[in-house]
Amino acid sequence: MSKFFSAGSINGEVTTRGEAAMKLEDRLAVKLLAQASAQLGKAVNETLCTEPDRRVIRAMLNDAKELLAEFEEQYFRP
């Protein structure tokens, strides 16, 4: 079993079950941020093409916006 979830500890710190779940939620939210970053990188690459397809770029930007909105919702949830 991973040290992150064994004996109610995260990185050696004693935590409650709720804190452990919150840390997991934070990590999952950060994955959304990474996906948004990847989409933006693809959009940048497309804009640098000799004949960029603006429809493709717009779709990538919309995907990134959705991922960022999901990240904000999950990560900054009270």
PDB file of N, CA and C in Angstrom:
ATOM      1  N   MET A   1       0.844  -1.174   0.000  1.00  0.00           N
ATOM      2  CA  MET A   1       0.000   0.000   0.000  1.00  0.00           C
ATOM      3  C   MET A   1       0.891   1.239   0.000  1.00  0.00           C
ATOM      4  N   SER A   2       0.495   2.273  -0.697  1.00  0.00           N
ATOM      5  CA  SER A   2       1.253   3.505  -0.814  1.00  0.00           C
ATOM      6  C   SER A   2       1.353   4.222   0.527  1.00  0.00           C
ATOM      7  N   LYS A   3       2.459   4.890   0.760  1.00  0.00           N
ATOM      8  CA  LYS A   3       2.608   5.629   2.006  1.00  0.00           C
ATOM      9  C   LYS A   3       1.635   6.799   2.085  1.00  0.00           C
ATOM     10  N   PHE A   4       1.101   7.226   0.943  1.00  0.00           N
ATOM     11  CA  PHE A   4       0.162   8.339   0.931  1.00  0.00           C
ATOM     12  C   PHE A   4      -1.175   7.977   1.576  1.00  0.00           C
ATOM     13  N   PHE A   5      -1.535   6.705   1.571  1.00  0.00           N
ATOM     14  CA  PHE A   5      -2.836   6.319   2.086  1.00  0.00           C
ATOM     15  C   PHE A   5      -2.760   5.328   3.240  1.00  0.00           C
ATOM     16  N   SER A   6      -1.577   4.954   3.663  1.00  0.00           N
ATOM     17  CA  SER A   6      -1.470   3.984   4.748  1.00  0.00           C
ATOM     18  C   SER A   6      -1.527   4.684   6.098  1.00  0.00           C
ATOM     19  N   ALA A   7      -2.181   4.041   7.034  1.00  0.00           N
ATOM     20  CA  ALA A   7      -2.235   4.485   8.433  1.00  0.00           C
ATOM     21  C   ALA A   7      -2.692   5.922   8.593  1.00  0.00           C
ATOM     22  N   GLY A   8      -3.517   6.424   7.683  1.00  0.00           N
ATOM     23  CA  GLY A   8      -4.069   7.770   7.825  1.00  0.00           C
ATOM     24  C   GLY A   8      -3.028   8.867   7.739  1.00  0.00           C
ATOM     25  N   SER A   9      -2.015   8.662   6.904  1.00  0.00           N
ATOM     26  CA  SER A   9      -0.997   9.701   6.801  1.00  0.00           C
ATOM     27  C   SER A   9      -0.755  10.070   5.348  1.00  0.00           C
ATOM     28  N   ILE A  10      -0.355  11.298   5.168  1.00  0.00           N
ATOM     29  CA  ILE A  10       0.064  11.778   3.857  1.00  0.00           C
ATOM     30  C   ILE A  10       1.438  12.393   4.047  1.00  0.00           C
ATOM     31  N   ASN A  11       2.411  11.877   3.321  1.00  0.00           N
ATOM     32  CA  ASN A  11       3.790  12.360   3.428  1.00  0.00           C
ATOM     33  C   ASN A  11       4.269  12.395   4.881  1.00  0.00           C
ATOM     34  N   GLY A  12       3.878  11.392   5.664  1.00  0.00           N
ATOM     35  CA  GLY A  12       4.323  11.301   7.032  1.00  0.00           C
ATOM     36  C   GLY A  12       3.525  12.124   8.024  1.00  0.00           C
ATOM     37  N   GLU A  13       2.572  12.933   7.552  1.00  0.00           N
ATOM     38  CA  GLU A  13       1.757  13.753   8.450  1.00  0.00           C
ATOM     39  C   GLU A  13       0.469  13.011   8.775  1.00  0.00           C
ATOM     40  N   VAL A  14       0.070  13.058  10.027  1.00  0.00           N
ATOM     41  CA  VAL A  14      -1.179  12.426  10.430  1.00  0.00           C
ATOM     42  C   VAL A  14      -2.318  13.331   9.962  1.00  0.00           C
ATOM     43  N   THR A  15      -3.280  12.741   9.257  1.00  0.00           N
ATOM     44  CA  THR A  15      -4.391  13.520   8.723  1.00  0.00           C
ATOM     45  C   THR A  15      -5.699  12.816   9.001  1.00  0.00           C
ATOM     46  N   THR A  16      -6.773  13.558   8.875  1.00  0.00           N
ATOM     47  CA  THR A  16      -8.095  12.951   8.971  1.00  0.00           C
ATOM     48  C   THR A  16      -8.461  12.414   7.604  1.00  0.00           C
ATOM     49  N   ARG A  17      -9.495  11.601   7.572  1.00  0.00           N
ATOM     50  CA  ARG A  17      -9.934  11.020   6.305  1.00  0.00           C
ATOM     51  C   ARG A  17     -10.338  12.110   5.318  1.00  0.00           C
ATOM     52  N   GLY A  18     -11.012  13.166   5.784  1.00  0.00           N
ATOM     53  CA  GLY A  18     -11.432  14.273   4.921  1.00  0.00           C
ATOM     54  C   GLY A  18     -10.264  15.006   4.293  1.00  0.00           C
ATOM     55  N   GLU A  19      -9.181  15.201   5.078  1.00  0.00           N
ATOM     56  CA  GLU A  19      -8.007  15.872   4.539  1.00  0.00           C
ATOM     57  C   GLU A  19      -7.344  15.022   3.465  1.00  0.00           C
ATOM     58  N   ALA A  20      -7.311  13.725   3.657  1.00  0.00           N
ATOM     59  CA  ALA A  20      -6.720  12.842   2.661  1.00  0.00           C
ATOM     60  C   ALA A  20      -7.522  12.901   1.366  1.00  0.00           C
ATOM     61  N   ALA A  21      -8.851  12.918   1.485  1.00  0.00           N
ATOM     62  CA  ALA A  21      -9.694  13.003   0.297  1.00  0.00           C
ATOM     63  C   ALA A  21      -9.494  14.339  -0.403  1.00  0.00           C
ATOM     64  N   MET A  22      -9.345  15.406   0.366  1.00  0.00           N
ATOM     65  CA  MET A  22      -9.139  16.719  -0.230  1.00  0.00           C
ATOM     66  C   MET A  22      -7.841  16.757  -1.015  1.00  0.00           C
ATOM     67  N   LYS A  23      -6.803  16.171  -0.465  1.00  0.00           N
ATOM     68  CA  LYS A  23      -5.527  16.134  -1.174  1.00  0.00           C
ATOM     69  C   LYS A  23      -5.669  15.380  -2.498  1.00  0.00           C
ATOM     70  N   LEU A  24      -6.402  14.292  -2.494  1.00  0.00           N
ATOM     71  CA  LEU A  24      -6.639  13.543  -3.716  1.00  0.00           C
ATOM     72  C   LEU A  24      -7.416  14.398  -4.712  1.00  0.00           C
ATOM     73  N   GLU A  25      -8.432  15.107  -4.242  1.00  0.00           N
ATOM     74  CA  GLU A  25      -9.200  15.989  -5.122  1.00  0.00           C
ATOM     75  C   GLU A  25      -8.313  17.072  -5.714  1.00  0.00           C
ATOM     76  N   ASP A  26      -7.411  17.617  -4.916  1.00  0.00           N
ATOM     77  CA  ASP A  26      -6.483  18.627  -5.423  1.00  0.00           C
ATOM     78  C   ASP A  26      -5.612  18.060  -6.537  1.00  0.00           C
ATOM     79  N   ARG A  27      -5.119  16.842  -6.311  1.00  0.00           N
ATOM     80  CA  ARG A  27      -4.267  16.226  -7.334  1.00  0.00           C
ATOM     81  C   ARG A  27      -5.047  15.977  -8.621  1.00  0.00           C
ATOM     82  N   LEU A  28      -6.297  15.558  -8.496  1.00  0.00           N
ATOM     83  CA  LEU A  28      -7.113  15.333  -9.686  1.00  0.00           C
ATOM     84  C   LEU A  28      -7.399  16.648 -10.399  1.00  0.00           C
ATOM     85  N   ALA A  29      -7.614  17.707  -9.639  1.00  0.00           N
ATOM     86  CA  ALA A  29      -7.850  19.018 -10.233  1.00  0.00           C
ATOM     87  C   ALA A  29      -6.623  19.493 -11.004  1.00  0.00           C
ATOM     88  N   VAL A  30      -5.449  19.244 -10.445  1.00  0.00           N
ATOM     89  CA  VAL A  30      -4.220  19.662 -11.112  1.00  0.00           C
ATOM     90  C   VAL A  30      -4.049  18.931 -12.447  1.00  0.00           C
ATOM     91  N   LYS A  31      -4.536  17.715 -12.526  1.00  0.00           N
ATOM     92  CA  LYS A  31      -4.490  16.994 -13.803  1.00  0.00           C
ATOM     93  C   LYS A  31      -5.310  17.730 -14.859  1.00  0.00           C
ATOM     94  N   LEU A  32      -6.432  18.319 -14.453  1.00  0.00           N
ATOM     95  CA  LEU A  32      -7.234  19.119 -15.385  1.00  0.00           C
ATOM     96  C   LEU A  32      -6.431  20.322 -15.877  1.00  0.00           C
ATOM     97  N   LEU A  33      -5.694  20.941 -14.971  1.00  0.00           N
ATOM     98  CA  LEU A  33      -4.868  22.083 -15.342  1.00  0.00           C
ATOM     99  C   LEU A  33      -3.784  21.666 -16.338  1.00  0.00           C
ATOM    100  N   ALA A  34      -3.201  20.506 -16.120  1.00  0.00           N
ATOM    101  CA  ALA A  34      -2.184  19.993 -17.038  1.00  0.00           C
ATOM    102  C   ALA A  34      -2.780  19.708 -18.414  1.00  0.00           C
ATOM    103  N   GLN A  35      -3.996  19.165 -18.438  1.00  0.00           N
ATOM    104  CA  GLN A  35      -4.659  18.904 -19.713  1.00  0.00           C
ATOM    105  C   GLN A  35      -4.949  20.206 -20.447  1.00  0.00           C
ATOM    106  N   ALA A  36      -5.368  21.237 -19.716  1.00  0.00           N
ATOM    107  CA  ALA A  36      -5.622  22.539 -20.335  1.00  0.00           C
ATOM    108  C   ALA A  36      -4.331  23.099 -20.920  1.00  0.00           C
ATOM    109  N   SER A  37      -3.246  22.948 -20.187  1.00  0.00           N
ATOM    110  CA  SER A  37      -1.950  23.414 -20.668  1.00  0.00           C
ATOM    111  C   SER A  37      -1.550  22.690 -21.957  1.00  0.00           C
ATOM    112  N   ALA A  38      -1.793  21.395 -21.998  1.00  0.00           N
ATOM    113  CA  ALA A  38      -1.473  20.612 -23.202  1.00  0.00           C
ATOM    114  C   ALA A  38      -2.301  21.092 -24.387  1.00  0.00           C
ATOM    115  N   GLN A  39      -3.592  21.382 -24.152  1.00  0.00           N
ATOM    116  CA  GLN A  39      -4.449  21.874 -25.234  1.00  0.00           C
ATOM    117  C   GLN A  39      -3.945  23.220 -25.742  1.00  0.00           C
ATOM    118  N   LEU A  40      -3.535  24.086 -24.828  1.00  0.00           N
ATOM    119  CA  LEU A  40      -2.997  25.383 -25.239  1.00  0.00           C
ATOM    120  C   LEU A  40      -1.714  25.208 -26.042  1.00  0.00           C
ATOM    121  N   GLY A  41      -0.889  24.258 -25.642  1.00  0.00           N
ATOM    122  CA  GLY A  41       0.334  23.979 -26.395  1.00  0.00           C
ATOM    123  C   GLY A  41       0.031  23.517 -27.811  1.00  0.00           C
ATOM    124  N   LYS A  42      -0.980  22.669 -27.953  1.00  0.00           N
ATOM    125  CA  LYS A  42      -1.385  22.214 -29.285  1.00  0.00           C
ATOM    126  C   LYS A  42      -1.909  23.381 -30.109  1.00  0.00           C
ATOM    127  N   ALA A  43      -2.666  24.275 -29.463  1.00  0.00           N
ATOM    128  CA  ALA A  43      -3.198  25.449 -30.168  1.00  0.00           C
ATOM    129  C   ALA A  43      -2.057  26.345 -30.643  1.00  0.00           C
ATOM    130  N   VAL A  44      -1.042  26.524 -29.800  1.00  0.00           N
ATOM    131  CA  VAL A  44       0.115  27.325 -30.195  1.00  0.00           C
ATOM    132  C   VAL A  44       0.810  26.679 -31.389  1.00  0.00           C
ATOM    133  N   ASN A  45       1.004  25.372 -31.341  1.00  0.00           N
ATOM    134  CA  ASN A  45       1.639  24.678 -32.463  1.00  0.00           C
ATOM    135  C   ASN A  45       0.841  24.860 -33.745  1.00  0.00           C
ATOM    136  N   GLU A  46      -0.474  24.783 -33.649  1.00  0.00           N
ATOM    137  CA  GLU A  46      -1.315  24.953 -34.834  1.00  0.00           C
ATOM    138  C   GLU A  46      -1.181  26.370 -35.392  1.00  0.00           C
ATOM    139  N   THR A  47      -1.104  27.378 -34.507  1.00  0.00           N
ATOM    140  CA  THR A  47      -0.979  28.757 -34.996  1.00  0.00           C
ATOM    141  C   THR A  47       0.348  28.984 -35.699  1.00  0.00           C
ATOM    142  N   LEU A  48       1.353  28.170 -35.367  1.00  0.00           N
ATOM    143  CA  LEU A  48       2.669  28.326 -35.982  1.00  0.00           C
ATOM    144  C   LEU A  48       2.798  27.593 -37.316  1.00  0.00           C
ATOM    145  N   CYS A  49       1.774  26.853 -37.700  1.00  0.00           N
ATOM    146  CA  CYS A  49       1.794  26.160 -38.990  1.00  0.00           C
ATOM    147  C   CYS A  49       1.768  27.183 -40.122  1.00  0.00           C
ATOM    148  N   THR A  50       2.220  26.754 -41.294  1.00  0.00           N
ATOM    149  CA  THR A  50       2.210  27.672 -42.440  1.00  0.00           C
ATOM    150  C   THR A  50       0.791  28.041 -42.850  1.00  0.00           C
ATOM    151  N   GLU A  51      -0.151  27.127 -42.666  1.00  0.00           N
ATOM    152  CA  GLU A  51      -1.560  27.407 -42.945  1.00  0.00           C
ATOM    153  C   GLU A  51      -2.407  26.932 -41.770  1.00  0.00           C
ATOM    154  N   PRO A  52      -2.432  27.710 -40.686  1.00  0.00           N
ATOM    155  CA  PRO A  52      -3.183  27.288 -39.505  1.00  0.00           C
ATOM    156  C   PRO A  52      -4.690  27.237 -39.779  1.00  0.00           C
ATOM    157  N   ASP A  53      -5.335  26.252 -39.214  1.00  0.00           N
ATOM    158  CA  ASP A  53      -6.786  26.113 -39.343  1.00  0.00           C
ATOM    159  C   ASP A  53      -7.421  26.783 -38.134  1.00  0.00           C
ATOM    160  N   ARG A  54      -8.023  27.930 -38.345  1.00  0.00           N
ATOM    161  CA  ARG A  54      -8.584  28.714 -37.244  1.00  0.00           C
ATOM    162  C   ARG A  54      -9.715  27.981 -36.537  1.00  0.00           C
ATOM    163  N   ARG A  55     -10.440  27.137 -37.250  1.00  0.00           N
ATOM    164  CA  ARG A  55     -11.511  26.358 -36.605  1.00  0.00           C
ATOM    165  C   ARG A  55     -10.934  25.375 -35.596  1.00  0.00           C
ATOM    166  N   VAL A  56      -9.831  24.757 -35.965  1.00  0.00           N
ATOM    167  CA  VAL A  56      -9.168  23.809 -35.061  1.00  0.00           C
ATOM    168  C   VAL A  56      -8.637  24.547 -33.839  1.00  0.00           C
ATOM    169  N   ILE A  57      -8.039  25.709 -34.064  1.00  0.00           N
ATOM    170  CA  ILE A  57      -7.505  26.504 -32.958  1.00  0.00           C
ATOM    171  C   ILE A  57      -8.631  26.917 -32.016  1.00  0.00           C
ATOM    172  N   ARG A  58      -9.740  27.376 -32.582  1.00  0.00           N
ATOM    173  CA  ARG A  58     -10.890  27.783 -31.766  1.00  0.00           C
ATOM    174  C   ARG A  58     -11.393  26.603 -30.927  1.00  0.00           C
ATOM    175  N   ALA A  59     -11.478  25.414 -31.531  1.00  0.00           N
ATOM    176  CA  ALA A  59     -11.938  24.225 -30.806  1.00  0.00           C
ATOM    177  C   ALA A  59     -10.981  23.880 -29.662  1.00  0.00           C
ATOM    178  N   MET A  60      -9.684  23.976 -29.913  1.00  0.00           N
ATOM    179  CA  MET A  60      -8.698  23.695 -28.873  1.00  0.00           C
ATOM    180  C   MET A  60      -8.801  24.701 -27.733  1.00  0.00           C
ATOM    181  N   LEU A  61      -8.998  25.961 -28.075  1.00  0.00           N
ATOM    182  CA  LEU A  61      -9.144  26.992 -27.042  1.00  0.00           C
ATOM    183  C   LEU A  61     -10.405  26.764 -26.213  1.00  0.00           C
ATOM    184  N   ASN A  62     -11.492  26.376 -26.876  1.00  0.00           N
ATOM    185  CA  ASN A  62     -12.728  26.088 -26.137  1.00  0.00           C
ATOM    186  C   ASN A  62     -12.546  24.909 -25.191  1.00  0.00           C
ATOM    187  N   ASP A  63     -11.851  23.878 -25.655  1.00  0.00           N
ATOM    188  CA  ASP A  63     -11.561  22.728 -24.782  1.00  0.00           C
ATOM    189  C   ASP A  63     -10.741  23.167 -23.572  1.00  0.00           C
ATOM    190  N   ALA A  64      -9.723  24.005 -23.827  1.00  0.00           N
ATOM    191  CA  ALA A  64      -8.871  24.476 -22.736  1.00  0.00           C
ATOM    192  C   ALA A  64      -9.683  25.312 -21.744  1.00  0.00           C
ATOM    193  N   LYS A  65     -10.579  26.141 -22.246  1.00  0.00           N
ATOM    194  CA  LYS A  65     -11.428  26.947 -21.366  1.00  0.00           C
ATOM    195  C   LYS A  65     -12.300  26.063 -20.478  1.00  0.00           C
ATOM    196  N   GLU A  66     -12.868  25.023 -21.060  1.00  0.00           N
ATOM    197  CA  GLU A  66     -13.701  24.098 -20.282  1.00  0.00           C
ATOM    198  C   GLU A  66     -12.879  23.394 -19.201  1.00  0.00           C
ATOM    199  N   LEU A  67     -11.685  22.964 -19.564  1.00  0.00           N
ATOM    200  CA  LEU A  67     -10.815  22.301 -18.591  1.00  0.00           C
ATOM    201  C   LEU A  67     -10.421  23.261 -17.466  1.00  0.00           C
ATOM    202  N   LEU A  68     -10.143  24.510 -17.822  1.00  0.00           N
ATOM    203  CA  LEU A  68      -9.804  25.499 -16.800  1.00  0.00           C
ATOM    204  C   LEU A  68     -10.983  25.775 -15.872  1.00  0.00           C
ATOM    205  N   ALA A  69     -12.175  25.836 -16.437  1.00  0.00           N
ATOM    206  CA  ALA A  69     -13.368  26.053 -15.613  1.00  0.00           C
ATOM    207  C   ALA A  69     -13.567  24.889 -14.647  1.00  0.00           C
ATOM    208  N   GLU A  70     -13.380  23.657 -15.129  1.00  0.00           N
ATOM    209  CA  GLU A  70     -13.495  22.479 -14.265  1.00  0.00           C
ATOM    210  C   GLU A  70     -12.427  22.507 -13.166  1.00  0.00           C
ATOM    211  N   PHE A  71     -11.209  22.900 -13.558  1.00  0.00           N
ATOM    212  CA  PHE A  71     -10.132  23.003 -12.575  1.00  0.00           C
ATOM    213  C   PHE A  71     -10.504  24.001 -11.489  1.00  0.00           C
ATOM    214  N   GLU A  72     -10.936  25.198 -11.887  1.00  0.00           N
ATOM    215  CA  GLU A  72     -11.312  26.223 -10.914  1.00  0.00           C
ATOM    216  C   GLU A  72     -12.405  25.732  -9.975  1.00  0.00           C
ATOM    217  N   GLU A  73     -13.392  25.078 -10.540  1.00  0.00           N
ATOM    218  CA  GLU A  73     -14.508  24.574  -9.744  1.00  0.00           C
ATOM    219  C   GLU A  73     -14.035  23.567  -8.695  1.00  0.00           C
ATOM    220  N   GLN A  74     -13.157  22.673  -9.089  1.00  0.00           N
ATOM    221  CA  GLN A  74     -12.699  21.626  -8.179  1.00  0.00           C
ATOM    222  C   GLN A  74     -11.645  22.121  -7.203  1.00  0.00           C
ATOM    223  N   TYR A  75     -10.693  22.890  -7.696  1.00  0.00           N
ATOM    224  CA  TYR A  75      -9.548  23.267  -6.868  1.00  0.00           C
ATOM    225  C   TYR A  75      -9.870  24.355  -5.852  1.00  0.00           C
ATOM    226  N   PHE A  76     -10.712  25.309  -6.244  1.00  0.00           N
ATOM    227  CA  PHE A  76     -11.018  26.431  -5.372  1.00  0.00           C
ATOM    228  C   PHE A  76     -12.361  26.278  -4.667  1.00  0.00           C
ATOM    229  N   ARG A  77     -12.914  25.071  -4.708  1.00  0.00           N
ATOM    230  CA  ARG A  77     -14.164  24.784  -4.004  1.00  0.00           C
ATOM    231  C   ARG A  77     -13.967  25.034  -2.516  1.00  0.00           C
ATOM    232  N   PRO A  78     -14.952  25.735  -1.875  1.00  0.00           N
ATOM    233  CA  PRO A  78     -14.818  26.020  -0.430  1.00  0.00           C
ATOM    234  C   PRO A  78     -14.877  24.760   0.416  1.00  0.00           C
TER     235      PRO A  78
END
